[in-house]
Protein backbone atom coordinates (compact mmCIF):
# COMPACT_ATOMS: atom_id res chain seq x y z
CA MET A 1 0.00 0.00 0.00
CA CYS A 2 1.21 3.47 -0.83
CA LYS A 3 -0.27 6.55 0.81
CA ILE A 4 0.37 9.99 -0.59
CA SER A 5 -0.30 13.06 1.52
CA ASP A 6 -1.30 16.32 -0.07
CA PHE A 7 -1.49 19.15 2.42
CA GLY A 8 -2.47 21.76 -0.16
CA ILE A 9 0.53 23.95 0.60
CA ALA A 10 2.57 23.42 -2.54
CA THR A 11 1.72 26.78 -4.08
CA ASP A 12 1.32 30.14 -2.42
CA GLU A 13 -0.50 32.25 -4.99
CA ARG A 14 0.21 35.47 -3.08
CA ASP A 15 3.96 35.45 -3.50
CA GLY A 16 4.27 33.03 -6.44
CA THR A 17 6.36 30.47 -4.58
CA PHE A 18 5.85 26.76 -4.23
CA CYS A 19 7.35 24.05 -2.09
CA GLY A 20 7.68 20.32 -2.40
CA SER A 21 10.19 17.63 -3.28
CA PRO A 22 11.76 18.65 -6.61
CA GLY A 23 11.89 15.11 -7.93
CA TYR A 24 8.11 14.75 -7.67
CA ILE A 25 6.94 18.12 -9.02
CA ALA A 26 5.13 18.06 -12.36
CA PRO A 27 6.15 20.31 -15.27
CA GLU A 28 2.96 22.39 -14.98
CA VAL A 29 3.89 23.36 -11.41
CA ILE A 30 7.33 24.52 -12.52
CA GLY A 31 5.76 26.38 -15.45
CA ARG A 32 3.14 27.92 -13.13
CA GLN A 33 0.33 26.55 -15.32
CA LYS A 34 -3.12 25.34 -14.31
CA GLN A 35 -3.00 22.40 -11.92
CA THR A 36 -5.49 19.55 -12.19
CA SER A 37 -5.81 15.99 -10.91
CA ALA A 38 -3.37 15.02 -13.68
CA LEU A 39 -0.69 16.43 -11.39
CA ASP A 40 -1.33 13.59 -8.93
CA CYS A 41 -1.07 11.05 -11.75
CA PHE A 42 2.34 12.49 -12.70
CA SER A 43 3.49 12.14 -9.08
CA LEU A 44 2.21 8.56 -8.96
CA GLY A 45 4.35 7.79 -12.01
CA ILE A 46 7.37 9.27 -10.25
CA ILE A 47 6.66 7.18 -7.13
CA LEU A 48 6.32 3.98 -9.20
CA HIS A 49 9.59 4.76 -10.98
CA ARG A 50 11.34 5.40 -7.66
CA CYS A 51 9.96 2.19 -6.12
CA SER A 52 11.21 0.27 -9.14
CA THR A 53 14.66 1.86 -9.50
CA GLY A 54 15.54 3.55 -6.20
CA ARG A 55 15.83 6.99 -7.85
CA THR A 56 13.49 9.60 -9.23
CA PRO A 57 13.58 9.65 -13.05
CA PHE A 58 15.00 13.16 -13.51
CA GLU A 59 17.58 12.89 -10.73
CA LEU A 60 21.13 13.88 -11.66
CA PRO A 61 24.07 11.66 -10.62
CA ASP A 62 24.74 13.97 -7.66
CA GLY A 63 21.16 13.45 -6.41
CA HIS A 64 19.86 16.90 -7.37
CA VAL A 65 16.90 17.54 -9.65
CA SER A 66 16.95 20.39 -12.15
CA ASP A 67 13.74 22.32 -12.86
CA GLU A 68 14.89 22.60 -16.47
CA ILE A 69 15.14 18.82 -16.88
CA VAL A 70 11.74 18.24 -15.24
CA SER A 71 10.08 20.94 -17.34
CA LYS A 72 11.32 19.26 -20.55
CA CYS A 73 10.02 15.93 -19.20
CA LYS A 74 11.79 13.58 -21.58
CA TYR A 75 11.10 10.36 -19.70
CA VAL A 76 12.85 7.19 -20.77
CA PRO A 77 12.36 4.26 -18.37
CA PRO A 78 15.27 1.88 -17.86
CA VAL A 79 15.25 -1.23 -20.04
CA SER A 80 15.56 -3.32 -16.89
CA MET A 81 12.22 -2.02 -15.54
CA ASN A 82 9.37 -4.53 -15.40
CA SER A 83 7.27 -4.17 -18.56
CA SER A 84 3.99 -3.62 -16.65
CA VAL A 85 5.58 -0.90 -14.51
CA ARG A 86 7.21 0.61 -17.59
CA ALA A 87 3.84 0.81 -19.38
CA VAL A 88 2.28 2.68 -16.47
CA THR A 89 5.17 5.05 -15.76
CA THR A 90 5.55 5.87 -19.46
CA ASN A 91 1.89 6.86 -19.62
CA LEU A 92 1.92 8.86 -16.38
CA ILE A 93 5.21 10.75 -16.69
CA LYS A 94 4.28 12.93 -19.62
CA LYS A 95 4.81 16.66 -20.04
CA SER A 96 1.25 17.47 -21.04
CA PRO A 97 -1.40 16.74 -18.40
CA ASN A 98 -3.83 15.92 -21.23
CA ASP A 99 -1.56 13.11 -22.44
CA ARG A 100 -1.28 11.37 -19.05
CA TRP A 101 -3.30 8.36 -18.04
CA THR A 102 -6.05 8.99 -15.52
CA ALA A 103 -6.32 7.12 -12.22
CA VAL A 104 -9.02 4.92 -13.78
CA GLU A 105 -6.69 3.96 -16.64
CA VAL A 106 -4.05 2.97 -14.08
CA LEU A 107 -6.59 0.79 -12.26
CA TYR A 108 -7.26 -1.12 -15.48
CA SER A 109 -3.61 -1.42 -16.45
CA GLN A 110 -1.93 -4.80 -16.62
CA LEU A 111 0.18 -3.82 -13.61
CA VAL A 112 -2.90 -3.65 -11.38
CA THR A 113 -5.05 -6.38 -12.91
CA ASP A 114 -2.19 -8.91 -12.87
CA HIS A 115 -1.77 -8.38 -9.13
CA GLN A 116 -5.40 -8.46 -8.09
CA HIS A 117 -5.65 -11.26 -5.53
CA GLN A 118 -7.92 -14.22 -6.15
CA GLY A 119 -11.17 -13.92 -4.25
CA GLN A 120 -11.21 -10.13 -4.24
CA TYR A 121 -14.01 -8.31 -5.94
CA ALA A 122 -13.26 -7.30 -9.51
CA LEU A 123 -12.61 -3.62 -10.02
CA GLN A 124 -15.78 -1.69 -10.64
CA LYS A 125 -16.37 -0.43 -14.16
CA THR A 126 -17.01 3.12 -12.97
CA VAL A 127 -15.45 5.41 -10.43
CA ARG A 128 -17.48 8.20 -8.90
CA ASP A 129 -15.85 11.56 -8.19
CA ASN A 130 -16.11 11.08 -4.43
CA ASP A 131 -14.41 7.67 -4.69
CA LEU A 132 -11.12 9.29 -5.69
């Protein structure tokens, strides 16, 4: 199980600053563009990549993350990454929020469906807004 906390403090509109872990910030945050739920999907992709490799995808050899590299968002997963994980991360870590998979698409990915335990209820076909 993975729990992600969002305290709603990442952006302070009054002074134009934001805070957060650089390796997990989506390009639209760096570019000060509109933020939607696609931002959370980007961060999920980063978390999956980190769980799989031990590093965030745009991390430099010295451990730092450059805003410039993140804003370009040229994601190439390692060849050694599990193919199911690679399919999900490749579809979540995209520069344009409109090109990213939604949470529902992740739920129906091979990564999730292959690991659904026997005896559990099948994933519902629909997700209501208040379920997310």
